[in-house]
Amino acid sequence: MTVASQPTRERTPLNSDGDFYVEAGTCLWCMAPENEAPELMGFEKPDGCFFRRQPGTDGELDHAIDVMHHSCVQALRYAGNDAVVIDRLRACGCEHLCDALS
């Protein structure tokens, strides 16, 4: 039996390596992510926003999840499989932004 692999989403090139990322070609330059989590998010033309670094503390994880929840175009995604993060994304209605669940 063959298991279908998940489609790989293209990441904005400036994203830091890690599980949180912004999908390429989706940012509308609203600047909301950069204002919500300035310690994690960056912005560069022409690509738009990106995770300049991954969350490293509980507070930064809170900010990463908050910014995903408040993103106007749902461009921010989670590619990991940490059950705590996935449960938190489910709790705020953002499970559709988790690659492991889509």
C-alpha atoms as a PDB file:
ATOM      1  CA  MET A   1       0.000   0.000   0.000  1.00  0.00           C
ATOM      2  CA  THR A   2       1.344   3.423  -0.933  1.00  0.00           C
ATOM      3  CA  VAL A   3       0.887   6.374   1.387  1.00  0.00           C
ATOM      4  CA  ALA A   4       0.307   9.688  -0.348  1.00  0.00           C
ATOM      5  CA  SER A   5       2.775  12.339   0.683  1.00  0.00           C
ATOM      6  CA  GLN A   6       1.681  15.767   1.798  1.00  0.00           C
ATOM      7  CA  PRO A   7       2.000  18.479  -0.795  1.00  0.00           C
ATOM      8  CA  THR A   8       5.018  20.632  -0.062  1.00  0.00           C
ATOM      9  CA  ARG A   9       4.213  24.304   0.210  1.00  0.00           C
ATOM     10  CA  GLU A  10       6.746  26.774  -1.097  1.00  0.00           C
ATOM     11  CA  ARG A  11       8.185  28.966   1.638  1.00  0.00           C
ATOM     12  CA  THR A  12       9.076  32.628   1.358  1.00  0.00           C
ATOM     13  CA  PRO A  13      12.854  32.499   0.765  1.00  0.00           C
ATOM     14  CA  LEU A  14      13.819  34.588   3.809  1.00  0.00           C
ATOM     15  CA  ASN A  15      12.105  32.320   6.370  1.00  0.00           C
ATOM     16  CA  SER A  16      14.466  31.000   9.013  1.00  0.00           C
ATOM     17  CA  ASP A  17      14.891  27.237   9.076  1.00  0.00           C
ATOM     18  CA  GLY A  18      12.244  25.635  11.253  1.00  0.00           C
ATOM     19  CA  ASP A  19       8.639  24.630  11.598  1.00  0.00           C
ATOM     20  CA  PHE A  20       6.998  28.061  11.423  1.00  0.00           C
ATOM     21  CA  TYR A  21       7.008  29.730   8.011  1.00  0.00           C
ATOM     22  CA  VAL A  22       5.202  32.073   5.651  1.00  0.00           C
ATOM     23  CA  GLU A  23       3.967  30.544   2.415  1.00  0.00           C
ATOM     24  CA  ALA A  24       5.525  32.133  -0.675  1.00  0.00           C
ATOM     25  CA  GLY A  25       3.412  34.469  -2.752  1.00  0.00           C
ATOM     26  CA  THR A  26       0.705  35.009  -0.123  1.00  0.00           C
ATOM     27  CA  CYS A  27       1.729  38.129   1.840  1.00  0.00           C
ATOM     28  CA  LEU A  28      -0.327  41.265   1.142  1.00  0.00           C
ATOM     29  CA  TRP A  29       2.106  43.603   2.952  1.00  0.00           C
ATOM     30  CA  CYS A  30      -0.433  44.419   5.679  1.00  0.00           C
ATOM     31  CA  MET A  31       2.374  44.535   8.284  1.00  0.00           C
ATOM     32  CA  ALA A  32       0.121  42.869  10.898  1.00  0.00           C
ATOM     33  CA  PRO A  33       2.499  39.946  11.595  1.00  0.00           C
ATOM     34  CA  GLU A  34       5.475  42.271  12.054  1.00  0.00           C
ATOM     35  CA  ASN A  35       3.482  44.415  14.481  1.00  0.00           C
ATOM     36  CA  GLU A  36       2.059  41.440  16.404  1.00  0.00           C
ATOM     37  CA  ALA A  37       5.375  39.585  16.849  1.00  0.00           C
ATOM     38  CA  PRO A  38       8.263  41.931  16.004  1.00  0.00           C
ATOM     39  CA  GLU A  39      10.780  39.669  17.718  1.00  0.00           C
ATOM     40  CA  LEU A  40       9.941  36.825  15.292  1.00  0.00           C
ATOM     41  CA  MET A  41       8.755  38.433  12.072  1.00  0.00           C
ATOM     42  CA  GLY A  42      10.541  40.411   9.388  1.00  0.00           C
ATOM     43  CA  PHE A  43       9.503  42.134   6.179  1.00  0.00           C
ATOM     44  CA  GLU A  44      11.405  42.638   2.929  1.00  0.00           C
ATOM     45  CA  LYS A  45      10.183  43.721  -0.493  1.00  0.00           C
ATOM     46  CA  PRO A  46       9.199  42.057  -2.795  1.00  0.00           C
ATOM     47  CA  ASP A  47       8.463  38.874  -0.797  1.00  0.00           C
ATOM     48  CA  GLY A  48       6.717  40.392   2.207  1.00  0.00           C
ATOM     49  CA  CYS A  49       6.710  38.953   5.698  1.00  0.00           C
ATOM     50  CA  PHE A  50       8.722  35.991   6.919  1.00  0.00           C
ATOM     51  CA  PHE A  51       9.781  34.311  10.150  1.00  0.00           C
ATOM     52  CA  ARG A  52      13.205  35.840  10.697  1.00  0.00           C
ATOM     53  CA  ARG A  53      13.653  33.473  13.617  1.00  0.00           C
ATOM     54  CA  GLN A  54      11.754  30.616  15.195  1.00  0.00           C
ATOM     55  CA  PRO A  55      10.092  30.882  18.621  1.00  0.00           C
ATOM     56  CA  GLY A  56      12.433  29.805  21.399  1.00  0.00           C
ATOM     57  CA  THR A  57      10.428  30.535  24.561  1.00  0.00           C
ATOM     58  CA  ASP A  58       6.856  29.947  25.682  1.00  0.00           C
ATOM     59  CA  GLY A  59       6.142  33.666  25.217  1.00  0.00           C
ATOM     60  CA  GLU A  60       7.497  33.608  21.684  1.00  0.00           C
ATOM     61  CA  LEU A  61       5.432  30.503  20.917  1.00  0.00           C
ATOM     62  CA  ASP A  62       2.388  32.444  22.152  1.00  0.00           C
ATOM     63  CA  HIS A  63       3.273  35.265  19.755  1.00  0.00           C
ATOM     64  CA  ALA A  64       3.818  32.881  16.819  1.00  0.00           C
ATOM     65  CA  ILE A  65       0.414  31.269  17.353  1.00  0.00           C
ATOM     66  CA  ASP A  66      -1.276  34.642  17.902  1.00  0.00           C
ATOM     67  CA  VAL A  67       0.178  36.024  14.686  1.00  0.00           C
ATOM     68  CA  MET A  68      -0.992  32.934  12.783  1.00  0.00           C
ATOM     69  CA  HIS A  69      -4.478  33.401  14.215  1.00  0.00           C
ATOM     70  CA  HIS A  70      -4.614  37.103  13.312  1.00  0.00           C
ATOM     71  CA  SER A  71      -3.012  36.925   9.864  1.00  0.00           C
ATOM     72  CA  CYS A  72      -5.376  38.545   7.377  1.00  0.00           C
ATOM     73  CA  VAL A  73      -4.625  36.065   4.578  1.00  0.00           C
ATOM     74  CA  GLN A  74      -3.673  32.983   6.638  1.00  0.00           C
ATOM     75  CA  ALA A  75      -0.202  32.966   5.059  1.00  0.00           C
ATOM     76  CA  LEU A  76       1.630  31.797   8.181  1.00  0.00           C
ATOM     77  CA  ARG A  77       1.915  28.045   8.645  1.00  0.00           C
ATOM     78  CA  TYR A  78       3.252  25.354  10.972  1.00  0.00           C
ATOM     79  CA  ALA A  79       5.102  22.384   9.447  1.00  0.00           C
ATOM     80  CA  GLY A  80       6.011  20.571  12.655  1.00  0.00           C
ATOM     81  CA  ASN A  81       4.390  17.726  14.533  1.00  0.00           C
ATOM     82  CA  ASP A  82       4.662  18.913  18.159  1.00  0.00           C
ATOM     83  CA  ALA A  83       1.392  17.823  19.771  1.00  0.00           C
ATOM     84  CA  VAL A  84       1.300  20.832  22.114  1.00  0.00           C
ATOM     85  CA  VAL A  85       1.604  23.295  19.225  1.00  0.00           C
ATOM     86  CA  ILE A  86      -0.957  21.399  17.146  1.00  0.00           C
ATOM     87  CA  ASP A  87      -3.414  21.330  20.076  1.00  0.00           C
ATOM     88  CA  ARG A  88      -2.967  25.074  20.544  1.00  0.00           C
ATOM     89  CA  LEU A  89      -3.576  25.694  16.845  1.00  0.00           C
ATOM     90  CA  ARG A  90      -6.733  23.583  17.061  1.00  0.00           C
ATOM     91  CA  ALA A  91      -7.888  25.496  20.143  1.00  0.00           C
ATOM     92  CA  CYS A  92      -7.788  28.842  18.310  1.00  0.00           C
ATOM     93  CA  GLY A  93      -9.352  27.478  15.115  1.00  0.00           C
ATOM     94  CA  CYS A  94      -6.102  27.413  13.126  1.00  0.00           C
ATOM     95  CA  GLU A  95      -5.696  23.694  12.526  1.00  0.00           C
ATOM     96  CA  HIS A  96      -5.996  24.384   8.783  1.00  0.00           C
ATOM     97  CA  LEU A  97      -2.631  26.177   9.032  1.00  0.00           C
ATOM     98  CA  CYS A  98      -0.871  23.024  10.238  1.00  0.00           C
ATOM     99  CA  ASP A  99       0.747  21.044   7.425  1.00  0.00           C
ATOM    100  CA  ALA A 100       0.496  17.774   9.378  1.00  0.00           C
ATOM    101  CA  LEU A 101      -3.309  18.113   9.487  1.00  0.00           C
ATOM    102  CA  SER A 102      -3.945  19.281   5.929  1.00  0.00           C
END
